[in-house]
Amino acid sequence: MYESELVQYWSAKERQEGIQQGERIRAMEDILEVLELRLQSASLFKPRLEAIDDLQRLEQLLSAAILADSPEDFRKVLDQGSHGV
């Protein structure tokens, strides 16, 4: 069966969007796991993390979660991103 170039393009685009969404969800889950294991504070940040669509930002926040000594340390880094810093 022949698929038009347009159908192939949209199929590829949908696959790529699905992959990116999966990466975003995985990054968010990783951050929450680190926050819970290290700081017992995942529930404090879950709503804000769920609202972030930028995978690069989530990767930065994973590093911040790993390095944070307290929930407040992580909150400061999270707040920086929400204020455009």
PDB file of N, CA and C in Angstrom:
ATOM      1  N   MET A   1       0.844  -1.186   0.000  1.00  0.00           N
ATOM      2  CA  MET A   1       0.000   0.000   0.000  1.00  0.00           C
ATOM      3  C   MET A   1       0.887   1.247   0.000  1.00  0.00           C
ATOM      4  N   TYR A   2       0.575   2.173  -0.859  1.00  0.00           N
ATOM      5  CA  TYR A   2       1.333   3.406  -1.005  1.00  0.00           C
ATOM      6  C   TYR A   2       0.813   4.469  -0.045  1.00  0.00           C
ATOM      7  N   GLU A   3       1.744   5.081   0.689  1.00  0.00           N
ATOM      8  CA  GLU A   3       1.386   6.205   1.552  1.00  0.00           C
ATOM      9  C   GLU A   3       1.936   7.473   0.921  1.00  0.00           C
ATOM     10  N   SER A   4       1.156   8.499   0.909  1.00  0.00           N
ATOM     11  CA  SER A   4       1.632   9.756   0.343  1.00  0.00           C
ATOM     12  C   SER A   4       2.756  10.312   1.210  1.00  0.00           C
ATOM     13  N   GLU A   5       3.532  11.196   0.596  1.00  0.00           N
ATOM     14  CA  GLU A   5       4.619  11.832   1.340  1.00  0.00           C
ATOM     15  C   GLU A   5       4.086  12.603   2.534  1.00  0.00           C
ATOM     16  N   LEU A   6       2.919  13.200   2.386  1.00  0.00           N
ATOM     17  CA  LEU A   6       2.311  13.958   3.476  1.00  0.00           C
ATOM     18  C   LEU A   6       1.971  13.038   4.650  1.00  0.00           C
ATOM     19  N   VAL A   7       1.393  11.885   4.364  1.00  0.00           N
ATOM     20  CA  VAL A   7       1.057  10.925   5.422  1.00  0.00           C
ATOM     21  C   VAL A   7       2.337  10.433   6.097  1.00  0.00           C
ATOM     22  N   GLN A   8       3.362  10.157   5.306  1.00  0.00           N
ATOM     23  CA  GLN A   8       4.634   9.714   5.877  1.00  0.00           C
ATOM     24  C   GLN A   8       5.233  10.806   6.761  1.00  0.00           C
ATOM     25  N   TYR A   9       5.157  12.049   6.295  1.00  0.00           N
ATOM     26  CA  TYR A   9       5.690  13.169   7.072  1.00  0.00           C
ATOM     27  C   TYR A   9       4.977  13.280   8.420  1.00  0.00           C
ATOM     28  N   TRP A  10       3.650  13.248   8.405  1.00  0.00           N
ATOM     29  CA  TRP A  10       2.892  13.391   9.655  1.00  0.00           C
ATOM     30  C   TRP A  10       3.108  12.195  10.567  1.00  0.00           C
ATOM     31  N   SER A  11       3.241  11.009  10.005  1.00  0.00           N
ATOM     32  CA  SER A  11       3.503   9.820  10.825  1.00  0.00           C
ATOM     33  C   SER A  11       4.850   9.956  11.525  1.00  0.00           C
ATOM     34  N   ALA A  12       5.861  10.403  10.792  1.00  0.00           N
ATOM     35  CA  ALA A  12       7.188  10.598  11.376  1.00  0.00           C
ATOM     36  C   ALA A  12       7.149  11.692  12.432  1.00  0.00           C
ATOM     37  N   LYS A  13       6.422  12.756  12.153  1.00  0.00           N
ATOM     38  CA  LYS A  13       6.314  13.860  13.105  1.00  0.00           C
ATOM     39  C   LYS A  13       5.621  13.396  14.394  1.00  0.00           C
ATOM     40  N   GLU A  14       4.559  12.621  14.265  1.00  0.00           N
ATOM     41  CA  GLU A  14       3.857  12.107  15.444  1.00  0.00           C
ATOM     42  C   GLU A  14       4.746  11.176  16.254  1.00  0.00           C
ATOM     43  N   ARG A  15       5.518  10.351  15.579  1.00  0.00           N
ATOM     44  CA  ARG A  15       6.453   9.459  16.287  1.00  0.00           C
ATOM     45  C   ARG A  15       7.481  10.271  17.064  1.00  0.00           C
ATOM     46  N   GLN A  16       8.038  11.306  16.408  1.00  0.00           N
ATOM     47  CA  GLN A  16       9.037  12.147  17.060  1.00  0.00           C
ATOM     48  C   GLN A  16       8.443  12.849  18.280  1.00  0.00           C
ATOM     49  N   GLU A  17       7.229  13.362  18.147  1.00  0.00           N
ATOM     50  CA  GLU A  17       6.576  14.021  19.282  1.00  0.00           C
ATOM     51  C   GLU A  17       6.329  13.033  20.413  1.00  0.00           C
ATOM     52  N   GLY A  18       5.977  11.812  20.071  1.00  0.00           N
ATOM     53  CA  GLY A  18       5.769  10.782  21.079  1.00  0.00           C
ATOM     54  C   GLY A  18       7.062  10.444  21.817  1.00  0.00           C
ATOM     55  N   ILE A  19       8.150  10.376  21.066  1.00  0.00           N
ATOM     56  CA  ILE A  19       9.456  10.105  21.679  1.00  0.00           C
ATOM     57  C   ILE A  19       9.839  11.244  22.614  1.00  0.00           C
ATOM     58  N   GLN A  20       9.653  12.472  22.162  1.00  0.00           N
ATOM     59  CA  GLN A  20       9.993  13.628  22.995  1.00  0.00           C
ATOM     60  C   GLN A  20       9.132  13.668  24.257  1.00  0.00           C
ATOM     61  N   GLN A  21       7.861  13.343  24.122  1.00  0.00           N
ATOM     62  CA  GLN A  21       6.978  13.322  25.295  1.00  0.00           C
ATOM     63  C   GLN A  21       7.434  12.244  26.272  1.00  0.00           C
ATOM     64  N   GLY A  22       7.829  11.095  25.744  1.00  0.00           N
ATOM     65  CA  GLY A  22       8.328  10.023  26.604  1.00  0.00           C
ATOM     66  C   GLY A  22       9.599  10.426  27.341  1.00  0.00           C
ATOM     67  N   GLU A  23      10.494  11.124  26.644  1.00  0.00           N
ATOM     68  CA  GLU A  23      11.727  11.610  27.279  1.00  0.00           C
ATOM     69  C   GLU A  23      11.411  12.605  28.376  1.00  0.00           C
ATOM     70  N   ARG A  24      10.447  13.478  28.126  1.00  0.00           N
ATOM     71  CA  ARG A  24      10.055  14.478  29.124  1.00  0.00           C
ATOM     72  C   ARG A  24       9.483  13.800  30.364  1.00  0.00           C
ATOM     73  N   ILE A  25       8.628  12.833  30.163  1.00  0.00           N
ATOM     74  CA  ILE A  25       8.035  12.111  31.297  1.00  0.00           C
ATOM     75  C   ILE A  25       9.106  11.367  32.073  1.00  0.00           C
ATOM     76  N   ARG A  26      10.023  10.722  31.377  1.00  0.00           N
ATOM     77  CA  ARG A  26      11.102   9.983  32.048  1.00  0.00           C
ATOM     78  C   ARG A  26      11.966  10.938  32.872  1.00  0.00           C
ATOM     79  N   ALA A  27      12.301  12.096  32.315  1.00  0.00           N
ATOM     80  CA  ALA A  27      13.116  13.073  33.040  1.00  0.00           C
ATOM     81  C   ALA A  27      12.392  13.550  34.293  1.00  0.00           C
ATOM     82  N   MET A  28      11.099  13.828  34.167  1.00  0.00           N
ATOM     83  CA  MET A  28      10.328  14.284  35.322  1.00  0.00           C
ATOM     84  C   MET A  28      10.281  13.192  36.391  1.00  0.00           C
ATOM     85  N   GLU A  29      10.059  11.954  35.987  1.00  0.00           N
ATOM     86  CA  GLU A  29      10.026  10.845  36.946  1.00  0.00           C
ATOM     87  C   GLU A  29      11.373  10.666  37.640  1.00  0.00           C
ATOM     88  N   ASP A  30      12.460  10.844  36.889  1.00  0.00           N
ATOM     89  CA  ASP A  30      13.799  10.742  37.481  1.00  0.00           C
ATOM     90  C   ASP A  30      14.009  11.821  38.546  1.00  0.00           C
ATOM     91  N   ILE A  31      13.598  13.039  38.237  1.00  0.00           N
ATOM     92  CA  ILE A  31      13.732  14.135  39.205  1.00  0.00           C
ATOM     93  C   ILE A  31      12.933  13.818  40.465  1.00  0.00           C
ATOM     94  N   LEU A  32      11.700  13.395  40.291  1.00  0.00           N
ATOM     95  CA  LEU A  32      10.855  13.091  41.451  1.00  0.00           C
ATOM     96  C   LEU A  32      11.442  11.960  42.290  1.00  0.00           C
ATOM     97  N   GLU A  33      12.021  10.970  41.634  1.00  0.00           N
ATOM     98  CA  GLU A  33      12.630   9.863  42.379  1.00  0.00           C
ATOM     99  C   GLU A  33      13.826  10.337  43.192  1.00  0.00           C
ATOM    100  N   VAL A  34      14.675  11.159  42.584  1.00  0.00           N
ATOM    101  CA  VAL A  34      15.828  11.704  43.310  1.00  0.00           C
ATOM    102  C   VAL A  34      15.362  12.561  44.481  1.00  0.00           C
ATOM    103  N   LEU A  35      14.376  13.421  44.229  1.00  0.00           N
ATOM    104  CA  LEU A  35      13.880  14.277  45.313  1.00  0.00           C
ATOM    105  C   LEU A  35      13.315  13.452  46.465  1.00  0.00           C
ATOM    106  N   GLU A  36      12.628  12.381  46.141  1.00  0.00           N
ATOM    107  CA  GLU A  36      12.049  11.548  47.199  1.00  0.00           C
ATOM    108  C   GLU A  36      13.136  10.773  47.948  1.00  0.00           C
ATOM    109  N   LEU A  37      14.078  10.198  47.217  1.00  0.00           N
ATOM    110  CA  LEU A  37      15.128   9.406  47.856  1.00  0.00           C
ATOM    111  C   LEU A  37      16.072  10.261  48.700  1.00  0.00           C
ATOM    112  N   ARG A  38      16.426  11.423  48.184  1.00  0.00           N
ATOM    113  CA  ARG A  38      17.406  12.255  48.885  1.00  0.00           C
ATOM    114  C   ARG A  38      16.784  13.219  49.883  1.00  0.00           C
ATOM    115  N   LEU A  39      15.623  13.797  49.525  1.00  0.00           N
ATOM    116  CA  LEU A  39      15.089  14.894  50.321  1.00  0.00           C
ATOM    117  C   LEU A  39      13.681  14.643  50.852  1.00  0.00           C
ATOM    118  N   GLN A  40      13.109  13.498  50.520  1.00  0.00           N
ATOM    119  CA  GLN A  40      11.742  13.154  50.931  1.00  0.00           C
ATOM    120  C   GLN A  40      10.776  14.306  50.630  1.00  0.00           C
ATOM    121  N   SER A  41      10.882  14.848  49.410  1.00  0.00           N
ATOM    122  CA  SER A  41      10.081  16.030  49.096  1.00  0.00           C
ATOM    123  C   SER A  41       9.505  16.026  47.683  1.00  0.00           C
ATOM    124  N   ALA A  42       9.364  14.886  47.067  1.00  0.00           N
ATOM    125  CA  ALA A  42       8.869  14.842  45.687  1.00  0.00           C
ATOM    126  C   ALA A  42       7.488  15.473  45.559  1.00  0.00           C
ATOM    127  N   SER A  43       6.620  15.217  46.498  1.00  0.00           N
ATOM    128  CA  SER A  43       5.243  15.718  46.381  1.00  0.00           C
ATOM    129  C   SER A  43       5.174  17.245  46.396  1.00  0.00           C
ATOM    130  N   LEU A  44       6.154  17.898  47.004  1.00  0.00           N
ATOM    131  CA  LEU A  44       6.172  19.362  47.034  1.00  0.00           C
ATOM    132  C   LEU A  44       6.351  19.967  45.642  1.00  0.00           C
ATOM    133  N   PHE A  45       7.051  19.255  44.792  1.00  0.00           N
ATOM    134  CA  PHE A  45       7.457  19.817  43.505  1.00  0.00           C
ATOM    135  C   PHE A  45       6.740  19.204  42.306  1.00  0.00           C
ATOM    136  N   LYS A  46       6.019  18.133  42.497  1.00  0.00           N
ATOM    137  CA  LYS A  46       5.412  17.421  41.379  1.00  0.00           C
ATOM    138  C   LYS A  46       4.541  18.317  40.486  1.00  0.00           C
ATOM    139  N   PRO A  47       3.631  19.118  41.024  1.00  0.00           N
ATOM    140  CA  PRO A  47       2.800  19.948  40.142  1.00  0.00           C
ATOM    141  C   PRO A  47       3.605  20.903  39.259  1.00  0.00           C
ATOM    142  N   ARG A  48       4.620  21.500  39.820  1.00  0.00           N
ATOM    143  CA  ARG A  48       5.432  22.439  39.033  1.00  0.00           C
ATOM    144  C   ARG A  48       6.245  21.714  37.975  1.00  0.00           C
ATOM    145  N   LEU A  49       6.774  20.548  38.320  1.00  0.00           N
ATOM    146  CA  LEU A  49       7.556  19.787  37.351  1.00  0.00           C
ATOM    147  C   LEU A  49       6.686  19.309  36.196  1.00  0.00           C
ATOM    148  N   GLU A  50       5.465  18.908  36.502  1.00  0.00           N
ATOM    149  CA  GLU A  50       4.555  18.436  35.460  1.00  0.00           C
ATOM    150  C   GLU A  50       4.221  19.527  34.445  1.00  0.00           C
ATOM    151  N   ALA A  51       4.350  20.765  34.831  1.00  0.00           N
ATOM    152  CA  ALA A  51       4.024  21.887  33.945  1.00  0.00           C
ATOM    153  C   ALA A  51       5.184  22.271  33.021  1.00  0.00           C
ATOM    154  N   ILE A  52       6.341  21.669  33.201  1.00  0.00           N
ATOM    155  CA  ILE A  52       7.518  22.015  32.396  1.00  0.00           C
ATOM    156  C   ILE A  52       7.575  21.127  31.167  1.00  0.00           C
ATOM    157  N   ASP A  53       7.600  21.749  29.995  1.00  0.00           N
ATOM    158  CA  ASP A  53       7.652  21.013  28.734  1.00  0.00           C
ATOM    159  C   ASP A  53       9.057  20.936  28.147  1.00  0.00           C
ATOM    160  N   ASP A  54       9.954  21.763  28.627  1.00  0.00           N
ATOM    161  CA  ASP A  54      11.300  21.874  28.076  1.00  0.00           C
ATOM    162  C   ASP A  54      12.198  20.763  28.626  1.00  0.00           C
ATOM    163  N   LEU A  55      12.586  19.832  27.759  1.00  0.00           N
ATOM    164  CA  LEU A  55      13.411  18.701  28.189  1.00  0.00           C
ATOM    165  C   LEU A  55      14.763  19.160  28.724  1.00  0.00           C
ATOM    166  N   GLN A  56      15.358  20.151  28.091  1.00  0.00           N
ATOM    167  CA  GLN A  56      16.649  20.658  28.552  1.00  0.00           C
ATOM    168  C   GLN A  56      16.526  21.212  29.976  1.00  0.00           C
ATOM    169  N   ARG A  57      15.461  21.923  30.245  1.00  0.00           N
ATOM    170  CA  ARG A  57      15.231  22.459  31.598  1.00  0.00           C
ATOM    171  C   ARG A  57      15.078  21.324  32.604  1.00  0.00           C
ATOM    172  N   LEU A  58      14.363  20.284  32.224  1.00  0.00           N
ATOM    173  CA  LEU A  58      14.198  19.143  33.123  1.00  0.00           C
ATOM    174  C   LEU A  58      15.535  18.458  33.389  1.00  0.00           C
ATOM    175  N   GLU A  59      16.388  18.382  32.396  1.00  0.00           N
ATOM    176  CA  GLU A  59      17.714  17.790  32.597  1.00  0.00           C
ATOM    177  C   GLU A  59      18.539  18.628  33.569  1.00  0.00           C
ATOM    178  N   GLN A  60      18.419  19.952  33.476  1.00  0.00           N
ATOM    179  CA  GLN A  60      19.102  20.835  34.423  1.00  0.00           C
ATOM    180  C   GLN A  60      18.562  20.615  35.836  1.00  0.00           C
ATOM    181  N   LEU A  61      17.261  20.442  35.934  1.00  0.00           N
ATOM    182  CA  LEU A  61      16.646  20.242  37.247  1.00  0.00           C
ATOM    183  C   LEU A  61      17.017  18.887  37.841  1.00  0.00           C
ATOM    184  N   LEU A  62      17.263  17.893  37.005  1.00  0.00           N
ATOM    185  CA  LEU A  62      17.730  16.608  37.529  1.00  0.00           C
ATOM    186  C   LEU A  62      19.083  16.782  38.201  1.00  0.00           C
ATOM    187  N   SER A  63      19.975  17.499  37.559  1.00  0.00           N
ATOM    188  CA  SER A  63      21.281  17.782  38.176  1.00  0.00           C
ATOM    189  C   SER A  63      21.104  18.551  39.478  1.00  0.00           C
ATOM    190  N   ALA A  64      20.212  19.519  39.470  1.00  0.00           N
ATOM    191  CA  ALA A  64      19.966  20.311  40.678  1.00  0.00           C
ATOM    192  C   ALA A  64      19.413  19.436  41.798  1.00  0.00           C
ATOM    193  N   ALA A  65      18.537  18.498  41.459  1.00  0.00           N
ATOM    194  CA  ALA A  65      17.977  17.604  42.476  1.00  0.00           C
ATOM    195  C   ALA A  65      19.062  16.721  43.073  1.00  0.00           C
ATOM    196  N   ILE A  66      19.968  16.259  42.234  1.00  0.00           N
ATOM    197  CA  ILE A  66      21.053  15.407  42.718  1.00  0.00           C
ATOM    198  C   ILE A  66      21.974  16.183  43.650  1.00  0.00           C
ATOM    199  N   LEU A  67      22.217  17.438  43.342  1.00  0.00           N
ATOM    200  CA  LEU A  67      23.159  18.250  44.115  1.00  0.00           C
ATOM    201  C   LEU A  67      22.546  18.963  45.315  1.00  0.00           C
ATOM    202  N   ALA A  68      21.233  19.065  45.358  1.00  0.00           N
ATOM    203  CA  ALA A  68      20.571  19.824  46.427  1.00  0.00           C
ATOM    204  C   ALA A  68      20.785  19.164  47.784  1.00  0.00           C
ATOM    205  N   ASP A  69      21.052  19.992  48.786  1.00  0.00           N
ATOM    206  CA  ASP A  69      21.187  19.512  50.160  1.00  0.00           C
ATOM    207  C   ASP A  69      19.886  19.635  50.934  1.00  0.00           C
ATOM    208  N   SER A  70      18.928  20.365  50.367  1.00  0.00           N
ATOM    209  CA  SER A  70      17.644  20.558  51.042  1.00  0.00           C
ATOM    210  C   SER A  70      16.577  20.860  49.994  1.00  0.00           C
ATOM    211  N   PRO A  71      15.313  20.692  50.357  1.00  0.00           N
ATOM    212  CA  PRO A  71      14.253  21.089  49.420  1.00  0.00           C
ATOM    213  C   PRO A  71      14.363  22.560  49.016  1.00  0.00           C
ATOM    214  N   GLU A  72      14.792  23.402  49.923  1.00  0.00           N
ATOM    215  CA  GLU A  72      14.933  24.822  49.617  1.00  0.00           C
ATOM    216  C   GLU A  72      15.999  25.061  48.548  1.00  0.00           C
ATOM    217  N   ASP A  73      17.100  24.296  48.598  1.00  0.00           N
ATOM    218  CA  ASP A  73      18.122  24.409  47.545  1.00  0.00           C
ATOM    219  C   ASP A  73      17.514  24.120  46.176  1.00  0.00           C
ATOM    220  N   PHE A  74      16.733  23.054  46.099  1.00  0.00           N
ATOM    221  CA  PHE A  74      16.114  22.699  44.829  1.00  0.00           C
ATOM    222  C   PHE A  74      15.086  23.750  44.415  1.00  0.00           C
ATOM    223  N   ARG A  75      14.299  24.227  45.354  1.00  0.00           N
ATOM    224  CA  ARG A  75      13.286  25.237  45.059  1.00  0.00           C
ATOM    225  C   ARG A  75      13.920  26.494  44.447  1.00  0.00           C
ATOM    226  N   LYS A  76      15.087  26.888  44.942  1.00  0.00           N
ATOM    227  CA  LYS A  76      15.758  28.081  44.401  1.00  0.00           C
ATOM    228  C   LYS A  76      16.086  27.899  42.924  1.00  0.00           C
ATOM    229  N   VAL A  77      16.590  26.735  42.564  1.00  0.00           N
ATOM    230  CA  VAL A  77      16.921  26.474  41.163  1.00  0.00           C
ATOM    231  C   VAL A  77      15.644  26.413  40.326  1.00  0.00           C
ATOM    232  N   LEU A  78      14.624  25.780  40.850  1.00  0.00           N
ATOM    233  CA  LEU A  78      13.343  25.698  40.153  1.00  0.00           C
ATOM    234  C   LEU A  78      12.755  27.087  39.938  1.00  0.00           C
ATOM    235  N   ASP A  79      12.831  27.937  40.944  1.00  0.00           N
ATOM    236  CA  ASP A  79      12.311  29.294  40.844  1.00  0.00           C
ATOM    237  C   ASP A  79      13.079  30.133  39.829  1.00  0.00           C
ATOM    238  N   GLN A  80      14.362  29.903  39.699  1.00  0.00           N
ATOM    239  CA  GLN A  80      15.168  30.648  38.722  1.00  0.00           C
ATOM    240  C   GLN A  80      14.616  30.471  37.321  1.00  0.00           C
ATOM    241  N   GLY A  81      14.249  29.276  36.983  1.00  0.00           N
ATOM    242  CA  GLY A  81      13.716  29.017  35.651  1.00  0.00           C
ATOM    243  C   GLY A  81      12.368  29.647  35.420  1.00  0.00           C
ATOM    244  N   SER A  82      11.559  29.748  36.459  1.00  0.00           N
ATOM    245  CA  SER A  82      10.210  30.311  36.284  1.00  0.00           C
ATOM    246  C   SER A  82      10.242  31.829  36.212  1.00  0.00           C
ATOM    247  N   HIS A  83      11.391  32.421  36.507  1.00  0.00           N
ATOM    248  CA  HIS A  83      11.499  33.880  36.424  1.00  0.00           C
ATOM    249  C   HIS A  83      12.379  34.306  35.267  1.00  0.00           C
ATOM    250  N   GLY A  84      12.662  33.344  34.367  1.00  0.00           N
ATOM    251  CA  GLY A  84      13.436  33.681  33.183  1.00  0.00           C
ATOM    252  C   GLY A  84      14.919  33.863  33.410  1.00  0.00           C
ATOM    253  N   VAL A  85      15.430  33.448  34.549  1.00  0.00           N
ATOM    254  CA  VAL A  85      16.859  33.590  34.834  1.00  0.00           C
ATOM    255  C   VAL A  85      17.592  32.406  34.267  1.00  0.00           C
TER     256      VAL A  85
END
